[in-house]
Amino acid sequence: MFTGIVEELGEVVGKEDLADAARFVIRGPVVTADAGHGDSIAVNGVCLTVVEVLPGGRFSADVMAETLDRSSLGGLRVGAAVNLERAAAVNSRLGGHIVQGHVDGTGTVLTRTPSQHWEVVRFSLPAALARYLVEKGSITVDGTSLTVSGLGRDDDGDWFEVSLIPTTLAATTLGRAGVGGTVNLEVDVLAKYVERLLAARAGE
């Protein structure tokens, strides 16, 4: 379980393509400081299991084909920056919201509108996920817990907007995500549970 508060910008320093998977080596001195084999680290919002902690603040992780196909990790190349977060400790403050590290789908950066003190970024949203978003609600974009500042639909489909402060722009990959880039999306799991419970009650 995570909170969507990115701890550091890491870097992909190695990638080995396997028959039905890929092994990544990622540099992240902060998240590896107390990491061990089997620990969970979110990489761009995808929960990965540490295979090995390596010298130089690096760790390796295996990613199966399904995850590569359903997230943006399949497109990562050596040198790419990634958002990193260790699993939440039960005695820590929940700075963001409850994040599982299970990607629900991907979106595309549609527009970026800079202002003096923040930047509004609009993302496309798969139609199947649109019902889980509400204005001022939470969504995870590439592992970053964000507040939905706007929602809409046009001829090209559903979209949502977030307003990014300078800290988020500087400390996460969202500050450098260009228009047309792909991002991982995870909707609020509580909304999915509520939907499931209400559907069951309606069936009764």
C-alpha atoms as a PDB file:
ATOM      1  CA  MET A   1       0.000   0.000   0.000  1.00  0.00           C
ATOM      2  CA  PHE A   2       1.220   3.506  -0.862  1.00  0.00           C
ATOM      3  CA  THR A   3       0.115   7.093  -0.365  1.00  0.00           C
ATOM      4  CA  GLY A   4       1.013   8.675  -3.712  1.00  0.00           C
ATOM      5  CA  ILE A   5       3.628  10.962  -2.179  1.00  0.00           C
ATOM      6  CA  VAL A   6       6.672  10.547  -4.430  1.00  0.00           C
ATOM      7  CA  GLU A   7       9.878  10.245  -2.412  1.00  0.00           C
ATOM      8  CA  GLU A   8      12.391  10.779  -5.179  1.00  0.00           C
ATOM      9  CA  LEU A   9      12.991  10.896  -8.887  1.00  0.00           C
ATOM     10  CA  GLY A  10      14.833   7.725  -9.825  1.00  0.00           C
ATOM     11  CA  GLU A  11      16.441   6.647 -13.067  1.00  0.00           C
ATOM     12  CA  VAL A  12      16.233   3.489 -15.147  1.00  0.00           C
ATOM     13  CA  VAL A  13      19.853   2.395 -15.466  1.00  0.00           C
ATOM     14  CA  GLY A  14      19.309  -1.076 -16.892  1.00  0.00           C
ATOM     15  CA  LYS A  15      16.650  -3.049 -18.760  1.00  0.00           C
ATOM     16  CA  GLU A  16      16.808  -6.671 -19.891  1.00  0.00           C
ATOM     17  CA  ASP A  17      14.045  -7.855 -22.199  1.00  0.00           C
ATOM     18  CA  LEU A  18      13.066 -11.453 -21.475  1.00  0.00           C
ATOM     19  CA  ALA A  19      10.709 -13.805 -23.317  1.00  0.00           C
ATOM     20  CA  ASP A  20       7.595 -12.832 -21.353  1.00  0.00           C
ATOM     21  CA  ALA A  21       8.899 -10.207 -18.942  1.00  0.00           C
ATOM     22  CA  ALA A  22      11.552  -7.571 -18.401  1.00  0.00           C
ATOM     23  CA  ARG A  23      14.067  -6.986 -15.622  1.00  0.00           C
ATOM     24  CA  PHE A  24      14.674  -3.377 -14.699  1.00  0.00           C
ATOM     25  CA  VAL A  25      17.543  -1.920 -12.714  1.00  0.00           C
ATOM     26  CA  ILE A  26      16.588   1.400 -11.163  1.00  0.00           C
ATOM     27  CA  ARG A  27      18.699   3.900  -9.248  1.00  0.00           C
ATOM     28  CA  GLY A  28      17.016   5.389  -6.195  1.00  0.00           C
ATOM     29  CA  PRO A  29      19.267   6.032  -3.196  1.00  0.00           C
ATOM     30  CA  VAL A  30      16.412   7.187  -0.963  1.00  0.00           C
ATOM     31  CA  VAL A  31      14.067   4.247  -1.512  1.00  0.00           C
ATOM     32  CA  THR A  32      16.879   1.696  -1.366  1.00  0.00           C
ATOM     33  CA  ALA A  33      18.338   3.052   1.902  1.00  0.00           C
ATOM     34  CA  ASP A  34      16.360   0.515   3.939  1.00  0.00           C
ATOM     35  CA  ALA A  35      15.108  -1.792   1.169  1.00  0.00           C
ATOM     36  CA  GLY A  36      15.538  -5.535   1.089  1.00  0.00           C
ATOM     37  CA  HIS A  37      14.610  -8.513  -1.073  1.00  0.00           C
ATOM     38  CA  GLY A  38      10.831  -8.796  -1.383  1.00  0.00           C
ATOM     39  CA  ASP A  39      10.039  -5.212  -0.423  1.00  0.00           C
ATOM     40  CA  SER A  40       7.555  -3.199  -2.481  1.00  0.00           C
ATOM     41  CA  ILE A  41       8.504  -0.025  -4.331  1.00  0.00           C
ATOM     42  CA  ALA A  42       6.112   1.875  -6.585  1.00  0.00           C
ATOM     43  CA  VAL A  43       7.683   2.837  -9.911  1.00  0.00           C
ATOM     44  CA  ASN A  44       5.548   5.389 -11.772  1.00  0.00           C
ATOM     45  CA  GLY A  45       2.638   4.095  -9.727  1.00  0.00           C
ATOM     46  CA  VAL A  46       3.223   0.402 -10.404  1.00  0.00           C
ATOM     47  CA  CYS A  47       3.941  -1.741  -7.350  1.00  0.00           C
ATOM     48  CA  LEU A  48       7.108  -3.750  -8.031  1.00  0.00           C
ATOM     49  CA  THR A  49       8.887  -6.286  -5.848  1.00  0.00           C
ATOM     50  CA  VAL A  50      12.559  -5.782  -5.135  1.00  0.00           C
ATOM     51  CA  VAL A  51      14.526  -8.764  -6.462  1.00  0.00           C
ATOM     52  CA  GLU A  52      17.911  -7.507  -5.354  1.00  0.00           C
ATOM     53  CA  VAL A  53      19.381  -4.401  -3.764  1.00  0.00           C
ATOM     54  CA  LEU A  54      22.529  -3.469  -5.664  1.00  0.00           C
ATOM     55  CA  PRO A  55      25.492  -1.177  -4.925  1.00  0.00           C
ATOM     56  CA  GLY A  56      25.164   2.483  -5.780  1.00  0.00           C
ATOM     57  CA  GLY A  57      21.602   2.889  -4.518  1.00  0.00           C
ATOM     58  CA  ARG A  58      20.142   0.610  -7.161  1.00  0.00           C
ATOM     59  CA  PHE A  59      17.593  -2.195  -7.129  1.00  0.00           C
ATOM     60  CA  SER A  60      16.334  -4.725  -9.650  1.00  0.00           C
ATOM     61  CA  ALA A  61      12.728  -5.737 -10.264  1.00  0.00           C
ATOM     62  CA  ASP A  62      11.005  -8.132 -12.646  1.00  0.00           C
ATOM     63  CA  VAL A  63       7.954  -6.948 -14.575  1.00  0.00           C
ATOM     64  CA  MET A  64       5.665  -9.498 -16.229  1.00  0.00           C
ATOM     65  CA  ALA A  65       4.286  -9.080 -19.732  1.00  0.00           C
ATOM     66  CA  GLU A  66       0.777  -8.186 -18.549  1.00  0.00           C
ATOM     67  CA  THR A  67       2.104  -5.255 -16.532  1.00  0.00           C
ATOM     68  CA  LEU A  68       4.274  -4.116 -19.439  1.00  0.00           C
ATOM     69  CA  ASP A  69       1.211  -4.184 -21.715  1.00  0.00           C
ATOM     70  CA  ARG A  70      -1.210  -2.503 -19.304  1.00  0.00           C
ATOM     71  CA  SER A  71       1.035   0.299 -18.063  1.00  0.00           C
ATOM     72  CA  SER A  72       3.607   2.730 -19.378  1.00  0.00           C
ATOM     73  CA  LEU A  73       6.491   0.618 -18.031  1.00  0.00           C
ATOM     74  CA  GLY A  74       6.788  -1.227 -21.328  1.00  0.00           C
ATOM     75  CA  GLY A  75       7.913   1.993 -22.971  1.00  0.00           C
ATOM     76  CA  LEU A  76      10.595   2.870 -20.433  1.00  0.00           C
ATOM     77  CA  ARG A  77      14.132   3.043 -21.729  1.00  0.00           C
ATOM     78  CA  VAL A  78      17.499   3.328 -20.000  1.00  0.00           C
ATOM     79  CA  GLY A  79      17.947   6.898 -18.839  1.00  0.00           C
ATOM     80  CA  ALA A  80      14.238   7.502 -18.194  1.00  0.00           C
ATOM     81  CA  ALA A  81      13.263   9.284 -14.982  1.00  0.00           C
ATOM     82  CA  VAL A  82      10.721   7.513 -12.782  1.00  0.00           C
ATOM     83  CA  ASN A  83       8.704   8.392  -9.687  1.00  0.00           C
ATOM     84  CA  LEU A  84       9.621   6.219  -6.697  1.00  0.00           C
ATOM     85  CA  GLU A  85       7.839   5.568  -3.407  1.00  0.00           C
ATOM     86  CA  ARG A  86       8.373   2.936  -0.727  1.00  0.00           C
ATOM     87  CA  ALA A  87       5.394   1.115   0.731  1.00  0.00           C
ATOM     88  CA  ALA A  88       3.680   3.123   3.450  1.00  0.00           C
ATOM     89  CA  ALA A  89       4.553   2.394   7.075  1.00  0.00           C
ATOM     90  CA  VAL A  90       1.537   1.843   9.336  1.00  0.00           C
ATOM     91  CA  ASN A  91       2.820   4.444  11.802  1.00  0.00           C
ATOM     92  CA  SER A  92       3.269   7.230   9.250  1.00  0.00           C
ATOM     93  CA  ARG A  93       0.917  10.037   8.214  1.00  0.00           C
ATOM     94  CA  LEU A  94      -1.231   9.440   5.144  1.00  0.00           C
ATOM     95  CA  GLY A  95      -0.084  12.452   3.153  1.00  0.00           C
ATOM     96  CA  GLY A  96      -1.918  11.563  -0.054  1.00  0.00           C
ATOM     97  CA  HIS A  97      -4.621   8.903  -0.332  1.00  0.00           C
ATOM     98  CA  ILE A  98      -4.806   5.110  -0.313  1.00  0.00           C
ATOM     99  CA  VAL A  99      -2.910   3.861  -3.376  1.00  0.00           C
ATOM    100  CA  GLN A 100      -2.524   0.184  -4.227  1.00  0.00           C
ATOM    101  CA  GLY A 101       0.026   0.437  -6.998  1.00  0.00           C
ATOM    102  CA  HIS A 102      -2.352  -1.430  -9.326  1.00  0.00           C
ATOM    103  CA  VAL A 103      -2.714   0.526 -12.568  1.00  0.00           C
ATOM    104  CA  ASP A 104      -6.305   0.765 -13.831  1.00  0.00           C
ATOM    105  CA  GLY A 105      -5.380   2.177 -17.220  1.00  0.00           C
ATOM    106  CA  THR A 106      -3.275   4.722 -19.019  1.00  0.00           C
ATOM    107  CA  GLY A 107      -3.942   8.260 -20.163  1.00  0.00           C
ATOM    108  CA  THR A 108      -2.269  10.775 -22.422  1.00  0.00           C
ATOM    109  CA  VAL A 109      -1.086  14.282 -21.674  1.00  0.00           C
ATOM    110  CA  LEU A 110      -3.418  16.478 -23.760  1.00  0.00           C
ATOM    111  CA  THR A 111      -2.456  20.033 -22.814  1.00  0.00           C
ATOM    112  CA  ARG A 112      -0.264  21.976 -20.408  1.00  0.00           C
ATOM    113  CA  THR A 113      -1.297  25.488 -19.398  1.00  0.00           C
ATOM    114  CA  PRO A 114       1.332  27.292 -17.297  1.00  0.00           C
ATOM    115  CA  SER A 115       0.502  30.055 -14.834  1.00  0.00           C
ATOM    116  CA  GLN A 116       2.749  32.121 -12.606  1.00  0.00           C
ATOM    117  CA  HIS A 117       2.624  29.750  -9.628  1.00  0.00           C
ATOM    118  CA  TRP A 118       1.191  26.494 -10.968  1.00  0.00           C
ATOM    119  CA  GLU A 119       0.438  24.590 -14.153  1.00  0.00           C
ATOM    120  CA  VAL A 120      -2.849  23.046 -15.250  1.00  0.00           C
ATOM    121  CA  VAL A 121      -2.368  19.729 -17.028  1.00  0.00           C
ATOM    122  CA  ARG A 122      -5.143  17.924 -18.881  1.00  0.00           C
ATOM    123  CA  PHE A 123      -5.074  14.158 -19.400  1.00  0.00           C
ATOM    124  CA  SER A 124      -7.235  11.822 -21.458  1.00  0.00           C
ATOM    125  CA  LEU A 125      -9.202   9.281 -19.459  1.00  0.00           C
ATOM    126  CA  PRO A 126     -10.417   5.813 -20.532  1.00  0.00           C
ATOM    127  CA  ALA A 127     -14.220   5.816 -20.675  1.00  0.00           C
ATOM    128  CA  ALA A 128     -14.412   2.858 -18.279  1.00  0.00           C
ATOM    129  CA  LEU A 129     -12.679   4.899 -15.554  1.00  0.00           C
ATOM    130  CA  ALA A 130     -14.536   8.192 -15.967  1.00  0.00           C
ATOM    131  CA  ARG A 131     -17.309   7.260 -13.531  1.00  0.00           C
ATOM    132  CA  TYR A 132     -14.817   6.910 -10.659  1.00  0.00           C
ATOM    133  CA  LEU A 133     -13.618  10.511 -10.824  1.00  0.00           C
ATOM    134  CA  VAL A 134     -15.244  13.468  -9.108  1.00  0.00           C
ATOM    135  CA  GLU A 135     -14.116  17.065  -8.953  1.00  0.00           C
ATOM    136  CA  LYS A 136     -11.901  17.601  -5.872  1.00  0.00           C
ATOM    137  CA  GLY A 137     -11.512  13.827  -5.576  1.00  0.00           C
ATOM    138  CA  SER A 138      -8.236  11.906  -5.744  1.00  0.00           C
ATOM    139  CA  ILE A 139      -6.481  10.172  -8.619  1.00  0.00           C
ATOM    140  CA  THR A 140      -2.987   8.733  -8.947  1.00  0.00           C
ATOM    141  CA  VAL A 141      -1.008   9.773 -12.030  1.00  0.00           C
ATOM    142  CA  ASP A 142       2.328   7.994 -12.472  1.00  0.00           C
ATOM    143  CA  GLY A 143       2.294   7.233  -8.760  1.00  0.00           C
ATOM    144  CA  THR A 144       1.545  10.810  -7.694  1.00  0.00           C
ATOM    145  CA  SER A 145      -1.534  11.492  -5.577  1.00  0.00           C
ATOM    146  CA  LEU A 146      -3.355  14.429  -7.163  1.00  0.00           C
ATOM    147  CA  THR A 147      -6.623  16.301  -6.749  1.00  0.00           C
ATOM    148  CA  VAL A 148      -8.966  16.442  -9.730  1.00  0.00           C
ATOM    149  CA  SER A 149      -9.532  20.126 -10.525  1.00  0.00           C
ATOM    150  CA  GLY A 150     -11.682  19.651 -13.616  1.00  0.00           C
ATOM    151  CA  LEU A 151     -13.595  16.991 -15.551  1.00  0.00           C
ATOM    152  CA  GLY A 152     -15.133  16.922 -18.976  1.00  0.00           C
ATOM    153  CA  ARG A 153     -15.861  15.160 -22.207  1.00  0.00           C
ATOM    154  CA  ASP A 154     -15.473  16.313 -25.790  1.00  0.00           C
ATOM    155  CA  ASP A 155     -15.478  14.758 -29.246  1.00  0.00           C
ATOM    156  CA  ASP A 156     -12.200  12.975 -28.478  1.00  0.00           C
ATOM    157  CA  GLY A 157     -13.433  11.396 -25.236  1.00  0.00           C
ATOM    158  CA  ASP A 158     -13.226  11.900 -21.485  1.00  0.00           C
ATOM    159  CA  TRP A 159     -10.584  14.054 -19.823  1.00  0.00           C
ATOM    160  CA  PHE A 160      -9.595  15.399 -16.421  1.00  0.00           C
ATOM    161  CA  GLU A 161      -7.357  18.194 -15.200  1.00  0.00           C
ATOM    162  CA  VAL A 162      -5.027  18.670 -12.266  1.00  0.00           C
ATOM    163  CA  SER A 163      -3.277  21.808 -11.028  1.00  0.00           C
ATOM    164  CA  LEU A 164       0.387  21.163 -10.268  1.00  0.00           C
ATOM    165  CA  ILE A 165       2.312  23.297  -7.789  1.00  0.00           C
ATOM    166  CA  PRO A 166       6.030  24.026  -8.303  1.00  0.00           C
ATOM    167  CA  THR A 167       7.052  21.323  -5.795  1.00  0.00           C
ATOM    168  CA  THR A 168       5.194  18.630  -7.750  1.00  0.00           C
ATOM    169  CA  LEU A 169       6.559  19.912 -11.049  1.00  0.00           C
ATOM    170  CA  ALA A 170      10.131  19.787  -9.731  1.00  0.00           C
ATOM    171  CA  ALA A 171       9.978  16.585  -7.674  1.00  0.00           C
ATOM    172  CA  THR A 172       8.095  14.243 -10.041  1.00  0.00           C
ATOM    173  CA  THR A 173       8.129  13.220 -13.688  1.00  0.00           C
ATOM    174  CA  LEU A 174       4.957  15.245 -14.239  1.00  0.00           C
ATOM    175  CA  GLY A 175       7.065  18.368 -14.537  1.00  0.00           C
ATOM    176  CA  ARG A 176       8.668  17.040 -17.695  1.00  0.00           C
ATOM    177  CA  ALA A 177       5.854  14.938 -19.202  1.00  0.00           C
ATOM    178  CA  GLY A 178       5.304  16.290 -22.708  1.00  0.00           C
ATOM    179  CA  VAL A 179       2.036  16.560 -24.603  1.00  0.00           C
ATOM    180  CA  GLY A 180       1.310  13.140 -26.110  1.00  0.00           C
ATOM    181  CA  GLY A 181       3.148  11.282 -23.352  1.00  0.00           C
ATOM    182  CA  THR A 182       1.572   8.260 -21.665  1.00  0.00           C
ATOM    183  CA  VAL A 183       0.891   8.156 -17.917  1.00  0.00           C
ATOM    184  CA  ASN A 184      -0.324   5.444 -15.553  1.00  0.00           C
ATOM    185  CA  LEU A 185      -3.681   6.018 -13.863  1.00  0.00           C
ATOM    186  CA  GLU A 186      -5.097   4.498 -10.695  1.00  0.00           C
ATOM    187  CA  VAL A 187      -8.523   5.641  -9.537  1.00  0.00           C
ATOM    188  CA  ASP A 188      -9.574   5.794  -5.900  1.00  0.00           C
ATOM    189  CA  VAL A 189     -10.131   2.199  -4.765  1.00  0.00           C
ATOM    190  CA  LEU A 190     -12.816   3.338  -2.321  1.00  0.00           C
ATOM    191  CA  ALA A 191     -14.993   4.424  -5.256  1.00  0.00           C
ATOM    192  CA  LYS A 192     -14.724   0.955  -6.777  1.00  0.00           C
ATOM    193  CA  TYR A 193     -15.721  -0.728  -3.513  1.00  0.00           C
ATOM    194  CA  VAL A 194     -18.712   1.577  -3.114  1.00  0.00           C
ATOM    195  CA  GLU A 195     -19.831   0.817  -6.673  1.00  0.00           C
ATOM    196  CA  ARG A 196     -19.539  -2.922  -6.070  1.00  0.00           C
ATOM    197  CA  LEU A 197     -21.491  -2.783  -2.799  1.00  0.00           C
ATOM    198  CA  LEU A 198     -24.257  -0.643  -4.272  1.00  0.00           C
ATOM    199  CA  ALA A 199     -24.549  -2.929  -7.298  1.00  0.00           C
ATOM    200  CA  ALA A 200     -24.898  -5.945  -5.000  1.00  0.00           C
ATOM    201  CA  ARG A 201     -27.599  -4.183  -2.968  1.00  0.00           C
ATOM    202  CA  ALA A 202     -29.471  -3.216  -6.134  1.00  0.00           C
ATOM    203  CA  GLY A 203     -29.383  -6.846  -7.215  1.00  0.00           C
ATOM    204  CA  GLU A 204     -30.930  -7.923  -3.944  1.00  0.00           C
END
